[in-house]
Amino acid sequence: MAKKPIKPFKNESDCLQIDDLTIENRIDRVSLFGSIDITRDKNGLALARQLREILELTLHELEGVELPDRITLEAGKSVKNPFT
């Protein structure tokens, strides 16, 4: 299972890495980007189970409420780099 499961749609800070796949949590979406190789071995099985856990948590949140047909995604806010 994932070391620190995210709580989909609950905050803007959770981020999880599974192999080279990044999963970012947001209030209005869960973003997946990168890649993952699910190989036919014990490691591939472990990766598939981690991915399934995240998708099941996401489905649970989506199926538990009444949803609009489509949302409008808010643009990200730019902030000044505190290190410059």
Protein backbone atom coordinates (compact mmCIF):
# COMPACT_ATOMS: atom_id res chain seq x y z
CA MET A 1 0.00 0.00 0.00
CA ALA A 2 1.02 3.61 -0.39
CA LYS A 3 3.23 4.81 2.43
CA LYS A 4 1.16 7.96 3.03
CA PRO A 5 -2.22 7.74 1.32
CA ILE A 6 -3.66 11.01 0.14
CA LYS A 7 -7.14 12.21 1.00
CA PRO A 8 -8.49 13.13 -2.46
CA PHE A 9 -10.02 16.59 -2.82
CA LYS A 10 -9.30 17.50 0.83
CA ASN A 11 -6.33 19.87 0.54
CA GLU A 12 -3.86 21.55 -1.79
CA SER A 13 -0.73 20.01 -0.31
CA ASP A 14 -0.68 16.21 -0.59
CA CYS A 15 1.71 14.84 -3.17
CA LEU A 16 2.65 11.21 -3.65
CA GLN A 17 5.25 9.51 -5.82
CA ILE A 18 4.77 5.96 -7.10
CA ASP A 19 7.71 4.96 -9.28
CA ASP A 20 7.95 7.86 -11.78
CA LEU A 21 4.24 8.71 -11.43
CA THR A 22 3.39 11.82 -9.42
CA ILE A 23 -0.04 12.23 -7.85
CA GLU A 24 -0.94 15.72 -6.67
CA ASN A 25 -3.97 16.43 -4.55
CA ARG A 26 -6.07 19.55 -5.06
CA ILE A 27 -9.46 20.68 -3.79
CA ASP A 28 -11.01 20.41 -7.26
CA ARG A 29 -8.93 17.62 -8.85
CA VAL A 30 -6.37 14.89 -8.42
CA SER A 31 -3.58 15.19 -10.99
CA LEU A 32 -1.49 12.25 -12.19
CA PHE A 33 1.53 12.80 -14.37
CA GLY A 34 4.70 10.96 -15.26
CA SER A 35 4.96 7.27 -15.97
CA ILE A 36 4.84 3.95 -14.21
CA ASP A 37 5.96 0.54 -15.40
CA ILE A 38 3.88 -2.20 -13.86
CA THR A 39 6.06 -5.22 -14.49
CA ARG A 40 5.01 -8.83 -14.20
CA ASP A 41 6.79 -9.44 -10.91
CA LYS A 42 6.39 -8.75 -7.19
CA ASN A 43 7.49 -5.14 -7.58
CA GLY A 44 4.93 -4.59 -10.36
CA LEU A 45 2.24 -6.11 -8.16
CA ALA A 46 3.16 -3.76 -5.30
CA LEU A 47 3.05 -0.73 -7.63
CA ALA A 48 -0.33 -1.80 -9.05
CA ARG A 49 -1.73 -2.15 -5.55
CA GLN A 50 -0.52 1.31 -4.57
CA LEU A 51 -2.11 2.82 -7.68
CA ARG A 52 -5.34 0.93 -7.05
CA GLU A 53 -5.47 2.27 -3.48
CA ILE A 54 -5.23 5.86 -4.71
CA LEU A 55 -7.87 5.29 -7.40
CA GLU A 56 -10.22 3.59 -4.93
CA LEU A 57 -9.91 6.51 -2.50
CA THR A 58 -10.61 8.92 -5.35
CA LEU A 59 -13.62 6.92 -6.56
CA HIS A 60 -15.01 6.75 -3.04
CA GLU A 61 -14.90 10.55 -2.77
CA LEU A 62 -16.46 11.04 -6.22
CA GLU A 63 -19.22 8.48 -5.72
CA GLY A 64 -20.13 9.82 -2.28
CA VAL A 65 -21.47 13.21 -3.42
CA GLU A 66 -23.68 14.72 -6.08
CA LEU A 67 -21.43 15.99 -8.85
CA PRO A 68 -21.89 18.68 -11.48
CA ASP A 69 -21.56 17.67 -15.14
CA ARG A 70 -18.27 19.55 -15.40
CA ILE A 71 -16.29 22.04 -13.33
CA THR A 72 -14.23 25.02 -14.42
CA LEU A 73 -10.67 24.60 -13.26
CA GLU A 74 -9.23 27.57 -11.45
CA ALA A 75 -5.90 28.85 -12.75
CA GLY A 76 -2.99 28.43 -10.38
CA LYS A 77 -1.83 31.49 -8.48
CA SER A 78 1.70 32.74 -8.99
CA VAL A 79 3.70 33.64 -5.94
CA LYS A 80 7.03 35.38 -5.63
CA ASN A 81 9.96 33.02 -5.17
CA PRO A 82 11.02 33.48 -1.52
CA PHE A 83 14.59 32.39 -2.36
CA THR A 84 15.38 35.20 -4.81
